[in-house]
Amino acid sequence: MSTETPPQEHPHAPRIESGTGTPLATWVQRIDDAGGRDLDHTAIARLLPQRWEISEWWAQGVTVAYEQLIGRRVAGQSSGGDFAASASRTLPGDPDSVRERWDGFMNPARREALGLQQPSLSDTPTWRYWRVAVSDGSRLSVNITAKDEGRSTLGIEHKGLESAEARELWKTAWKTTLTDFTGFTDFTDPSHPDQEIR
């Protein structure tokens, strides 16, 4: 087995071992032994739960890590070759009120500055969505769900980016946008909102 990056140096190696009960180095060896370097993403992700005790969710994570380790993709790159940026923040309010504030915050001038087109809103019993096409051909989905009593999580998923550089630029843009959104809205929660940028 010769990987471009040692498995123990992968940033998610501890999380994968904790979640699957198996070190990432062992998963890499298993996939290599099963001919993984000649298989595509879907084939590897299907193979893992068929041969070993691993959930489909963890199989996806292990497959992505494997592909990164062998140099097939870099951080933030999908199996299709494009890139994605994401960010999330936990905010006070139910999903409807958080989306209403977000929609008001993302006014036409702000959308134009970010290259966003007219958004569409949709609902499920547990999720509220704010989706929009981006002028560079990428796609943005803002997904809001209740986290606990009186708080919701707003997650930004920006997919279809052309390069790692674009991913980094958008990660910075969404971090700034979330910070501005927090300052724009009338949040009464005295604690600092939780934020994650990936």
N, C-alpha and C. Protein backbone atom coordinates (compact mmCIF):
# COMPACT_ATOMS: atom_id res chain seq x y z
N MET A 1 0.85 -1.18 0.00
CA MET A 1 0.00 0.00 0.00
C MET A 1 0.88 1.23 0.00
N SER A 2 0.69 2.13 -0.95
CA SER A 2 1.43 3.38 -0.90
C SER A 2 0.46 4.52 -1.12
N THR A 3 0.21 5.25 -0.08
CA THR A 3 -0.68 6.40 -0.18
C THR A 3 0.14 7.66 -0.21
N GLU A 4 -0.43 8.72 -0.77
CA GLU A 4 0.30 9.98 -0.83
C GLU A 4 0.38 10.64 0.54
N THR A 5 -0.59 10.37 1.40
CA THR A 5 -0.60 10.89 2.76
C THR A 5 -0.76 9.72 3.71
N PRO A 6 0.05 9.61 4.77
CA PRO A 6 -0.14 8.52 5.72
C PRO A 6 -1.52 8.62 6.38
N PRO A 7 -2.25 7.53 6.53
CA PRO A 7 -3.60 7.58 7.10
C PRO A 7 -3.66 8.28 8.45
N GLN A 8 -2.65 8.08 9.30
CA GLN A 8 -2.70 8.69 10.63
C GLN A 8 -2.61 10.22 10.58
N GLU A 9 -2.19 10.77 9.42
CA GLU A 9 -2.10 12.23 9.28
C GLU A 9 -3.36 12.86 8.70
N HIS A 10 -4.31 12.03 8.31
CA HIS A 10 -5.57 12.58 7.79
C HIS A 10 -6.31 13.27 8.94
N PRO A 11 -6.86 14.47 8.70
CA PRO A 11 -7.48 15.21 9.80
C PRO A 11 -8.68 14.51 10.45
N HIS A 12 -9.32 13.60 9.72
CA HIS A 12 -10.48 12.91 10.29
C HIS A 12 -10.17 11.50 10.77
N ALA A 13 -8.89 11.12 10.80
CA ALA A 13 -8.52 9.77 11.22
C ALA A 13 -9.05 9.45 12.62
N PRO A 14 -8.87 10.33 13.62
CA PRO A 14 -9.38 10.00 14.97
C PRO A 14 -10.90 9.85 14.98
N ARG A 15 -11.61 10.72 14.25
CA ARG A 15 -13.07 10.65 14.23
C ARG A 15 -13.55 9.36 13.55
N ILE A 16 -12.88 8.97 12.47
CA ILE A 16 -13.25 7.74 11.77
C ILE A 16 -13.02 6.53 12.66
N GLU A 17 -11.87 6.50 13.35
CA GLU A 17 -11.61 5.38 14.25
C GLU A 17 -12.63 5.33 15.37
N SER A 18 -12.95 6.49 15.93
CA SER A 18 -13.93 6.53 17.01
C SER A 18 -15.31 6.09 16.53
N GLY A 19 -15.70 6.53 15.33
CA GLY A 19 -17.03 6.22 14.82
C GLY A 19 -17.20 4.82 14.30
N THR A 20 -16.12 4.24 13.77
CA THR A 20 -16.23 2.90 13.17
C THR A 20 -15.61 1.81 14.03
N GLY A 21 -14.78 2.20 15.00
CA GLY A 21 -14.08 1.22 15.82
C GLY A 21 -12.88 0.61 15.12
N THR A 22 -12.50 1.19 13.98
CA THR A 22 -11.40 0.67 13.17
C THR A 22 -10.51 1.83 12.73
N PRO A 23 -9.18 1.70 12.89
CA PRO A 23 -8.29 2.78 12.45
C PRO A 23 -8.40 3.01 10.94
N LEU A 24 -8.20 4.26 10.53
CA LEU A 24 -8.26 4.59 9.11
C LEU A 24 -7.23 3.79 8.33
N ALA A 25 -6.04 3.56 8.90
CA ALA A 25 -5.01 2.77 8.21
C ALA A 25 -5.53 1.38 7.86
N THR A 26 -6.34 0.79 8.74
CA THR A 26 -6.91 -0.53 8.47
C THR A 26 -7.93 -0.45 7.34
N TRP A 27 -8.74 0.62 7.36
CA TRP A 27 -9.71 0.78 6.26
C TRP A 27 -8.99 0.93 4.92
N VAL A 28 -7.91 1.71 4.91
CA VAL A 28 -7.15 1.90 3.67
C VAL A 28 -6.61 0.56 3.18
N GLN A 29 -6.06 -0.24 4.09
CA GLN A 29 -5.51 -1.55 3.71
C GLN A 29 -6.61 -2.45 3.16
N ARG A 30 -7.77 -2.46 3.83
CA ARG A 30 -8.89 -3.29 3.38
C ARG A 30 -9.35 -2.88 1.97
N ILE A 31 -9.47 -1.56 1.76
CA ILE A 31 -9.94 -1.09 0.45
C ILE A 31 -8.91 -1.40 -0.63
N ASP A 32 -7.63 -1.18 -0.32
CA ASP A 32 -6.57 -1.52 -1.28
C ASP A 32 -6.62 -3.01 -1.63
N ASP A 33 -6.75 -3.85 -0.60
CA ASP A 33 -6.79 -5.31 -0.82
C ASP A 33 -7.99 -5.73 -1.65
N ALA A 34 -9.07 -4.92 -1.59
CA ALA A 34 -10.28 -5.23 -2.36
C ALA A 34 -10.24 -4.60 -3.75
N GLY A 35 -9.09 -4.03 -4.14
CA GLY A 35 -8.96 -3.42 -5.46
C GLY A 35 -9.51 -2.01 -5.55
N GLY A 36 -9.52 -1.32 -4.41
CA GLY A 36 -10.13 0.00 -4.34
C GLY A 36 -9.57 1.04 -5.29
N ARG A 37 -8.30 0.92 -5.64
CA ARG A 37 -7.71 1.93 -6.53
C ARG A 37 -8.27 1.85 -7.95
N ASP A 38 -8.93 0.73 -8.26
CA ASP A 38 -9.56 0.59 -9.57
C ASP A 38 -11.08 0.78 -9.51
N LEU A 39 -11.60 1.09 -8.32
CA LEU A 39 -13.04 1.27 -8.14
C LEU A 39 -13.38 2.75 -8.04
N ASP A 40 -14.59 3.11 -8.46
CA ASP A 40 -15.02 4.49 -8.29
C ASP A 40 -15.61 4.69 -6.90
N HIS A 41 -15.98 5.93 -6.60
CA HIS A 41 -16.48 6.27 -5.27
C HIS A 41 -17.68 5.41 -4.88
N THR A 42 -18.66 5.31 -5.77
CA THR A 42 -19.88 4.57 -5.45
C THR A 42 -19.58 3.10 -5.16
N ALA A 43 -18.71 2.50 -5.94
CA ALA A 43 -18.38 1.08 -5.74
C ALA A 43 -17.70 0.85 -4.40
N ILE A 44 -16.80 1.74 -4.02
CA ILE A 44 -16.13 1.59 -2.71
C ILE A 44 -17.13 1.76 -1.58
N ALA A 45 -17.95 2.80 -1.67
CA ALA A 45 -18.92 3.08 -0.60
C ALA A 45 -19.92 1.94 -0.44
N ARG A 46 -20.24 1.24 -1.53
CA ARG A 46 -21.16 0.09 -1.44
C ARG A 46 -20.45 -1.15 -0.90
N LEU A 47 -19.18 -1.27 -1.27
CA LEU A 47 -18.41 -2.45 -0.86
C LEU A 47 -18.24 -2.52 0.66
N LEU A 48 -17.96 -1.40 1.28
CA LEU A 48 -17.63 -1.40 2.71
C LEU A 48 -18.71 -2.03 3.59
N PRO A 49 -19.99 -1.59 3.52
CA PRO A 49 -20.99 -2.23 4.38
C PRO A 49 -21.33 -3.66 3.97
N GLN A 50 -21.01 -4.03 2.72
CA GLN A 50 -21.26 -5.41 2.30
C GLN A 50 -20.25 -6.37 2.94
N ARG A 51 -19.00 -5.90 3.10
CA ARG A 51 -17.95 -6.78 3.61
C ARG A 51 -17.67 -6.63 5.10
N TRP A 52 -17.91 -5.43 5.63
CA TRP A 52 -17.56 -5.18 7.03
C TRP A 52 -18.72 -4.50 7.74
N GLU A 53 -18.67 -4.53 9.06
CA GLU A 53 -19.71 -3.90 9.86
C GLU A 53 -19.45 -2.40 9.93
N ILE A 54 -20.11 -1.68 9.04
CA ILE A 54 -19.99 -0.23 8.97
C ILE A 54 -21.28 0.31 8.38
N SER A 55 -21.78 1.40 8.93
CA SER A 55 -23.01 1.99 8.40
C SER A 55 -22.73 2.65 7.05
N GLU A 56 -23.79 2.88 6.30
CA GLU A 56 -23.63 3.55 5.01
C GLU A 56 -23.07 4.96 5.19
N TRP A 57 -23.49 5.64 6.28
CA TRP A 57 -23.00 6.99 6.53
C TRP A 57 -21.49 6.99 6.74
N TRP A 58 -21.00 6.09 7.59
CA TRP A 58 -19.55 6.02 7.82
C TRP A 58 -18.82 5.50 6.59
N ALA A 59 -19.48 4.64 5.80
CA ALA A 59 -18.85 4.15 4.57
C ALA A 59 -18.54 5.31 3.63
N GLN A 60 -19.44 6.28 3.55
CA GLN A 60 -19.20 7.45 2.72
C GLN A 60 -17.98 8.23 3.24
N GLY A 61 -17.92 8.45 4.55
CA GLY A 61 -16.80 9.18 5.14
C GLY A 61 -15.47 8.48 4.94
N VAL A 62 -15.45 7.17 5.12
CA VAL A 62 -14.22 6.40 4.93
C VAL A 62 -13.80 6.46 3.46
N THR A 63 -14.77 6.35 2.56
CA THR A 63 -14.46 6.39 1.13
C THR A 63 -13.85 7.74 0.74
N VAL A 64 -14.43 8.82 1.22
CA VAL A 64 -13.88 10.15 0.92
C VAL A 64 -12.46 10.27 1.46
N ALA A 65 -12.24 9.83 2.70
CA ALA A 65 -10.89 9.90 3.29
C ALA A 65 -9.91 9.07 2.47
N TYR A 66 -10.33 7.88 2.08
CA TYR A 66 -9.48 7.01 1.25
C TYR A 66 -9.09 7.72 -0.05
N GLU A 67 -10.08 8.32 -0.72
CA GLU A 67 -9.81 9.00 -1.99
C GLU A 67 -8.87 10.18 -1.80
N GLN A 68 -8.99 10.86 -0.67
CA GLN A 68 -8.06 11.96 -0.39
C GLN A 68 -6.66 11.43 -0.14
N LEU A 69 -6.55 10.33 0.58
CA LEU A 69 -5.24 9.77 0.91
C LEU A 69 -4.49 9.27 -0.32
N ILE A 70 -5.21 8.73 -1.28
CA ILE A 70 -4.52 8.20 -2.46
C ILE A 70 -4.38 9.26 -3.55
N GLY A 71 -4.79 10.50 -3.24
CA GLY A 71 -4.61 11.60 -4.19
C GLY A 71 -5.69 11.71 -5.25
N ARG A 72 -6.80 11.01 -5.07
CA ARG A 72 -7.87 11.06 -6.06
C ARG A 72 -8.68 12.34 -5.94
N ARG A 73 -8.73 12.90 -4.74
CA ARG A 73 -9.42 14.17 -4.54
C ARG A 73 -8.77 14.92 -3.39
N VAL A 74 -9.01 16.21 -3.34
CA VAL A 74 -8.48 17.03 -2.25
C VAL A 74 -9.63 17.42 -1.34
N ALA A 75 -9.31 18.01 -0.21
CA ALA A 75 -10.34 18.41 0.76
C ALA A 75 -11.36 19.32 0.08
N GLY A 76 -12.64 19.01 0.33
CA GLY A 76 -13.72 19.81 -0.22
C GLY A 76 -14.13 19.43 -1.62
N GLN A 77 -13.47 18.43 -2.22
CA GLN A 77 -13.77 18.03 -3.59
C GLN A 77 -14.72 16.84 -3.59
N SER A 78 -15.75 16.90 -4.41
CA SER A 78 -16.71 15.80 -4.51
C SER A 78 -16.16 14.72 -5.43
N SER A 79 -16.85 13.58 -5.46
CA SER A 79 -16.43 12.50 -6.35
C SER A 79 -16.57 12.89 -7.81
N GLY A 80 -17.38 13.91 -8.11
CA GLY A 80 -17.54 14.39 -9.47
C GLY A 80 -16.47 15.38 -9.90
N GLY A 81 -15.59 15.75 -8.95
CA GLY A 81 -14.49 16.65 -9.28
C GLY A 81 -14.71 18.10 -8.91
N ASP A 82 -15.96 18.47 -8.60
CA ASP A 82 -16.18 19.85 -8.20
C ASP A 82 -15.96 19.99 -6.70
N PHE A 83 -16.14 21.21 -6.20
CA PHE A 83 -15.85 21.49 -4.79
C PHE A 83 -17.08 22.03 -4.09
N ALA A 84 -17.06 21.98 -2.77
CA ALA A 84 -18.17 22.47 -1.97
C ALA A 84 -17.64 23.19 -0.75
N ALA A 85 -18.37 24.19 -0.33
CA ALA A 85 -18.07 24.91 0.91
C ALA A 85 -19.31 24.87 1.77
N SER A 86 -19.14 24.77 3.08
CA SER A 86 -20.29 24.77 3.96
C SER A 86 -19.97 25.53 5.23
N ALA A 87 -21.02 25.98 5.86
CA ALA A 87 -20.89 26.71 7.12
C ALA A 87 -22.19 26.53 7.87
N SER A 88 -22.13 26.61 9.19
CA SER A 88 -23.36 26.50 9.97
C SER A 88 -23.27 27.36 11.22
N ARG A 89 -24.44 27.72 11.71
CA ARG A 89 -24.50 28.50 12.93
C ARG A 89 -25.79 28.14 13.66
N THR A 90 -25.71 28.02 14.98
CA THR A 90 -26.88 27.80 15.81
C THR A 90 -27.36 29.16 16.31
N LEU A 91 -28.66 29.41 16.10
CA LEU A 91 -29.23 30.72 16.38
C LEU A 91 -30.51 30.60 17.20
N PRO A 92 -30.83 31.61 17.98
CA PRO A 92 -32.11 31.58 18.68
C PRO A 92 -33.26 31.72 17.72
N GLY A 93 -34.37 31.04 18.01
CA GLY A 93 -35.57 31.14 17.18
C GLY A 93 -35.94 29.81 16.56
N ASP A 94 -37.21 29.69 16.19
CA ASP A 94 -37.67 28.48 15.51
C ASP A 94 -37.29 28.57 14.04
N PRO A 95 -37.35 27.45 13.30
CA PRO A 95 -36.91 27.46 11.90
C PRO A 95 -37.62 28.50 11.03
N ASP A 96 -38.92 28.71 11.24
CA ASP A 96 -39.64 29.68 10.43
C ASP A 96 -39.11 31.09 10.66
N SER A 97 -38.90 31.46 11.92
CA SER A 97 -38.46 32.83 12.20
C SER A 97 -37.01 33.04 11.75
N VAL A 98 -36.16 32.01 11.88
CA VAL A 98 -34.77 32.15 11.42
C VAL A 98 -34.74 32.32 9.91
N ARG A 99 -35.54 31.53 9.17
CA ARG A 99 -35.55 31.69 7.71
C ARG A 99 -36.13 33.05 7.31
N GLU A 100 -37.14 33.50 8.01
CA GLU A 100 -37.71 34.81 7.70
C GLU A 100 -36.67 35.91 7.89
N ARG A 101 -35.90 35.83 8.97
CA ARG A 101 -34.84 36.82 9.19
C ARG A 101 -33.76 36.71 8.12
N TRP A 102 -33.38 35.46 7.77
CA TRP A 102 -32.37 35.25 6.73
C TRP A 102 -32.85 35.83 5.39
N ASP A 103 -34.10 35.56 5.04
CA ASP A 103 -34.64 36.05 3.77
C ASP A 103 -34.64 37.57 3.74
N GLY A 104 -34.98 38.19 4.87
CA GLY A 104 -34.94 39.65 4.94
C GLY A 104 -33.52 40.20 4.85
N PHE A 105 -32.60 39.49 5.48
CA PHE A 105 -31.19 39.89 5.46
C PHE A 105 -30.61 39.80 4.05
N MET A 106 -30.97 38.73 3.33
CA MET A 106 -30.45 38.52 1.97
C MET A 106 -31.30 39.30 0.97
N ASN A 107 -31.27 40.62 1.12
CA ASN A 107 -32.06 41.50 0.25
C ASN A 107 -31.46 41.52 -1.16
N PRO A 108 -32.15 42.13 -2.12
CA PRO A 108 -31.65 42.13 -3.50
C PRO A 108 -30.23 42.68 -3.64
N ALA A 109 -29.90 43.74 -2.91
CA ALA A 109 -28.55 44.31 -3.03
C ALA A 109 -27.48 43.33 -2.52
N ARG A 110 -27.76 42.67 -1.42
CA ARG A 110 -26.79 41.71 -0.88
C ARG A 110 -26.67 40.50 -1.81
N ARG A 111 -27.79 40.04 -2.34
CA ARG A 111 -27.74 38.90 -3.28
C ARG A 111 -26.95 39.28 -4.52
N GLU A 112 -27.16 40.50 -5.03
CA GLU A 112 -26.43 40.93 -6.22
C GLU A 112 -24.93 40.99 -5.94
N ALA A 113 -24.55 41.46 -4.76
CA ALA A 113 -23.13 41.54 -4.41
C ALA A 113 -22.48 40.16 -4.37
N LEU A 114 -23.25 39.14 -3.99
CA LEU A 114 -22.74 37.78 -3.91
C LEU A 114 -22.97 36.98 -5.19
N GLY A 115 -23.64 37.57 -6.17
CA GLY A 115 -23.92 36.87 -7.42
C GLY A 115 -25.03 35.84 -7.29
N LEU A 116 -25.97 36.09 -6.37
CA LEU A 116 -27.07 35.16 -6.14
C LEU A 116 -28.30 35.61 -6.90
N GLN A 117 -29.02 34.63 -7.45
CA GLN A 117 -30.24 34.93 -8.18
C GLN A 117 -31.43 34.94 -7.21
N GLN A 118 -32.64 34.95 -7.75
CA GLN A 118 -33.85 34.98 -6.92
C GLN A 118 -33.98 33.64 -6.17
N PRO A 119 -34.16 33.68 -4.84
CA PRO A 119 -34.24 32.42 -4.08
C PRO A 119 -35.61 31.76 -4.19
N SER A 120 -35.64 30.48 -3.90
CA SER A 120 -36.90 29.74 -3.75
C SER A 120 -36.94 29.19 -2.33
N LEU A 121 -38.13 29.17 -1.75
CA LEU A 121 -38.31 28.68 -0.38
C LEU A 121 -39.19 27.44 -0.43
N SER A 122 -38.84 26.46 0.39
CA SER A 122 -39.66 25.26 0.50
C SER A 122 -39.56 24.72 1.92
N ASP A 123 -40.52 23.86 2.28
CA ASP A 123 -40.63 23.34 3.63
C ASP A 123 -40.83 21.83 3.63
N THR A 124 -40.36 21.19 4.69
CA THR A 124 -40.76 19.84 5.04
C THR A 124 -41.21 19.92 6.51
N PRO A 125 -41.72 18.84 7.09
CA PRO A 125 -42.13 18.93 8.49
C PRO A 125 -40.99 19.37 9.43
N THR A 126 -39.75 19.04 9.11
CA THR A 126 -38.65 19.37 10.03
C THR A 126 -37.63 20.35 9.48
N TRP A 127 -37.69 20.67 8.19
CA TRP A 127 -36.69 21.54 7.58
C TRP A 127 -37.36 22.72 6.88
N ARG A 128 -36.62 23.84 6.85
CA ARG A 128 -36.98 25.00 6.05
C ARG A 128 -35.80 25.27 5.12
N TYR A 129 -36.08 25.47 3.83
CA TYR A 129 -35.02 25.63 2.84
C TYR A 129 -35.09 27.00 2.18
N TRP A 130 -33.92 27.54 1.87
CA TRP A 130 -33.76 28.79 1.11
C TRP A 130 -32.70 28.47 0.08
N ARG A 131 -33.11 28.29 -1.19
CA ARG A 131 -32.19 27.83 -2.21
C ARG A 131 -32.07 28.86 -3.32
N VAL A 132 -30.88 28.91 -3.93
CA VAL A 132 -30.66 29.91 -4.96
C VAL A 132 -29.53 29.46 -5.88
N ALA A 133 -29.65 29.80 -7.15
CA ALA A 133 -28.57 29.57 -8.11
C ALA A 133 -27.59 30.74 -8.00
N VAL A 134 -26.32 30.45 -8.30
CA VAL A 134 -25.26 31.45 -8.21
C VAL A 134 -24.77 31.74 -9.63
N SER A 135 -24.35 32.97 -9.87
CA SER A 135 -23.99 33.40 -11.22
C SER A 135 -22.83 32.60 -11.82
N ASP A 136 -21.99 31.98 -10.97
CA ASP A 136 -20.87 31.19 -11.50
C ASP A 136 -21.28 29.76 -11.85
N GLY A 137 -22.57 29.45 -11.74
CA GLY A 137 -23.07 28.11 -12.07
C GLY A 137 -23.14 27.18 -10.88
N SER A 138 -22.66 27.61 -9.72
CA SER A 138 -22.75 26.78 -8.51
C SER A 138 -24.15 26.90 -7.91
N ARG A 139 -24.40 26.13 -6.86
CA ARG A 139 -25.72 26.09 -6.24
C ARG A 139 -25.60 26.29 -4.74
N LEU A 140 -26.53 27.04 -4.18
CA LEU A 140 -26.52 27.33 -2.75
C LEU A 140 -27.82 26.86 -2.12
N SER A 141 -27.70 26.15 -1.00
CA SER A 141 -28.87 25.75 -0.23
C SER A 141 -28.63 26.12 1.23
N VAL A 142 -29.56 26.88 1.78
CA VAL A 142 -29.54 27.22 3.21
C VAL A 142 -30.61 26.36 3.86
N ASN A 143 -30.19 25.49 4.78
CA ASN A 143 -31.07 24.50 5.38
C ASN A 143 -31.21 24.81 6.87
N ILE A 144 -32.44 24.94 7.34
CA ILE A 144 -32.69 25.35 8.72
C ILE A 144 -33.57 24.31 9.39
N THR A 145 -33.14 23.89 10.59
CA THR A 145 -33.92 22.92 11.36
C THR A 145 -33.80 23.26 12.84
N ALA A 146 -34.79 22.81 13.62
CA ALA A 146 -34.76 23.05 15.06
C ALA A 146 -33.62 22.25 15.68
N LYS A 147 -32.88 22.89 16.58
CA LYS A 147 -31.81 22.19 17.29
C LYS A 147 -32.28 21.75 18.66
N ASP A 148 -32.84 22.66 19.42
CA ASP A 148 -33.39 22.35 20.73
C ASP A 148 -34.41 23.43 21.05
N GLU A 149 -34.90 23.47 22.26
CA GLU A 149 -35.93 24.44 22.64
C GLU A 149 -35.47 25.87 22.38
N GLY A 150 -36.13 26.53 21.46
CA GLY A 150 -35.84 27.94 21.22
C GLY A 150 -34.65 28.23 20.33
N ARG A 151 -34.01 27.21 19.75
CA ARG A 151 -32.85 27.45 18.89
C ARG A 151 -32.96 26.60 17.63
N SER A 152 -32.35 27.11 16.56
CA SER A 152 -32.32 26.39 15.28
C SER A 152 -30.91 26.44 14.72
N THR A 153 -30.60 25.47 13.86
CA THR A 153 -29.33 25.45 13.16
C THR A 153 -29.56 25.87 11.72
N LEU A 154 -28.80 26.85 11.28
CA LEU A 154 -28.82 27.31 9.89
C LEU A 154 -27.55 26.80 9.24
N GLY A 155 -27.70 25.96 8.22
CA GLY A 155 -26.56 25.39 7.53
C GLY A 155 -26.50 25.85 6.09
N ILE A 156 -25.34 26.31 5.66
CA ILE A 156 -25.12 26.74 4.28
C ILE A 156 -24.37 25.63 3.55
N GLU A 157 -24.91 25.18 2.43
CA GLU A 157 -24.24 24.21 1.58
C GLU A 157 -24.08 24.83 0.19
N HIS A 158 -22.84 25.06 -0.19
CA HIS A 158 -22.54 25.69 -1.48
C HIS A 158 -21.80 24.66 -2.33
N LYS A 159 -22.47 24.14 -3.35
CA LYS A 159 -21.92 23.05 -4.15
C LYS A 159 -21.69 23.48 -5.59
N GLY A 160 -20.87 22.69 -6.28
CA GLY A 160 -20.61 22.92 -7.69
C GLY A 160 -19.53 23.95 -7.96
N LEU A 161 -18.65 24.19 -6.98
CA LEU A 161 -17.56 25.14 -7.17
C LEU A 161 -16.47 24.52 -8.03
N GLU A 162 -15.79 25.33 -8.84
CA GLU A 162 -14.87 24.79 -9.84
C GLU A 162 -13.48 24.47 -9.32
N SER A 163 -13.08 25.03 -8.18
CA SER A 163 -11.70 24.84 -7.74
C SER A 163 -11.59 24.95 -6.23
N ALA A 164 -10.45 24.48 -5.72
CA ALA A 164 -10.17 24.62 -4.30
C ALA A 164 -10.05 26.09 -3.91
N GLU A 165 -9.54 26.90 -4.82
CA GLU A 165 -9.42 28.33 -4.56
C GLU A 165 -10.80 28.97 -4.41
N ALA A 166 -11.74 28.58 -5.28
CA ALA A 166 -13.11 29.10 -5.17
C ALA A 166 -13.74 28.66 -3.86
N ARG A 167 -13.45 27.43 -3.46
CA ARG A 167 -13.98 26.94 -2.18
C ARG A 167 -13.49 27.80 -1.03
N GLU A 168 -12.21 28.12 -1.01
CA GLU A 168 -11.66 28.95 0.07
C GLU A 168 -12.27 30.34 0.06
N LEU A 169 -12.44 30.92 -1.12
CA LEU A 169 -13.05 32.24 -1.21
C LEU A 169 -14.48 32.24 -0.68
N TRP A 170 -15.24 31.23 -1.06
CA TRP A 170 -16.63 31.16 -0.60
C TRP A 170 -16.72 30.84 0.88
N LYS A 171 -15.81 30.01 1.40
CA LYS A 171 -15.82 29.75 2.84
C LYS A 171 -15.66 31.05 3.61
N THR A 172 -14.73 31.89 3.16
CA THR A 172 -14.52 33.19 3.79
C THR A 172 -15.75 34.07 3.64
N ALA A 173 -16.34 34.08 2.45
CA ALA A 173 -17.54 34.89 2.21
C ALA A 173 -18.69 34.47 3.11
N TRP A 174 -18.88 33.15 3.27
CA TRP A 174 -19.99 32.68 4.11
C TRP A 174 -19.72 32.91 5.58
N LYS A 175 -18.48 32.82 6.00
CA LYS A 175 -18.14 33.13 7.40
C LYS A 175 -18.48 34.59 7.68
N THR A 176 -18.09 35.49 6.78
CA THR A 176 -18.38 36.92 6.94
C THR A 176 -19.88 37.17 6.90
N THR A 177 -20.57 36.50 5.97
CA THR A 177 -22.01 36.68 5.85
C THR A 177 -22.73 36.24 7.12
N LEU A 178 -22.34 35.12 7.69
CA LEU A 178 -22.97 34.65 8.92
C LEU A 178 -22.71 35.61 10.08
N THR A 179 -21.51 36.15 10.14
CA THR A 179 -21.20 37.13 11.18
C THR A 179 -22.06 38.38 11.00
N ASP A 180 -22.17 38.84 9.77
CA ASP A 180 -23.01 40.01 9.49
C ASP A 180 -24.47 39.73 9.80
N PHE A 181 -24.93 38.53 9.47
CA PHE A 181 -26.32 38.14 9.73
C PHE A 181 -26.61 38.17 11.23
N THR A 182 -25.68 37.67 12.02
CA THR A 182 -25.87 37.68 13.47
C THR A 182 -25.98 39.11 13.99
N GLY A 183 -25.16 40.02 13.45
CA GLY A 183 -25.23 41.40 13.87
C GLY A 183 -26.46 42.13 13.35
N PHE A 184 -26.96 41.70 12.20
CA PHE A 184 -28.11 42.35 11.56
C PHE A 184 -29.41 42.05 12.29
N THR A 185 -29.54 40.81 12.78
CA THR A 185 -30.81 40.37 13.34
C THR A 185 -30.90 40.69 14.82
N ASP A 186 -32.09 40.70 15.32
CA ASP A 186 -32.33 41.04 16.72
C ASP A 186 -32.30 39.77 17.56
N PHE A 187 -31.10 39.26 17.81
CA PHE A 187 -30.97 38.07 18.62
C PHE A 187 -30.92 38.46 20.09
N THR A 188 -31.70 37.78 20.91
CA THR A 188 -31.73 38.10 22.33
C THR A 188 -30.99 37.07 23.16
N ASP A 189 -30.47 36.04 22.52
CA ASP A 189 -29.72 35.01 23.24
C ASP A 189 -28.38 35.60 23.67
N PRO A 190 -28.07 35.65 24.98
CA PRO A 190 -26.83 36.27 25.42
C PRO A 190 -25.59 35.46 25.09
N SER A 191 -25.75 34.17 24.82
CA SER A 191 -24.58 33.36 24.52
C SER A 191 -24.17 33.57 23.08
N HIS A 192 -22.89 33.39 22.80
CA HIS A 192 -22.38 33.55 21.43
C HIS A 192 -22.85 32.38 20.59
N PRO A 193 -23.37 32.61 19.39
CA PRO A 193 -23.86 31.51 18.55
C PRO A 193 -22.73 30.55 18.18
N ASP A 194 -23.10 29.28 18.06
CA ASP A 194 -22.14 28.26 17.63
C ASP A 194 -21.95 28.40 16.13
N GLN A 195 -20.73 28.19 15.68
CA GLN A 195 -20.45 28.30 14.24
C GLN A 195 -19.48 27.23 13.82
N GLU A 196 -19.69 26.70 12.64
CA GLU A 196 -18.75 25.73 12.07
C GLU A 196 -18.56 26.06 10.60
N ILE A 197 -17.31 26.11 10.16
CA ILE A 197 -16.99 26.37 8.76
C ILE A 197 -16.19 25.18 8.25
N ARG A 198 -16.63 24.59 7.10
CA ARG A 198 -15.92 23.43 6.56
C ARG A 198 -15.53 23.72 5.13
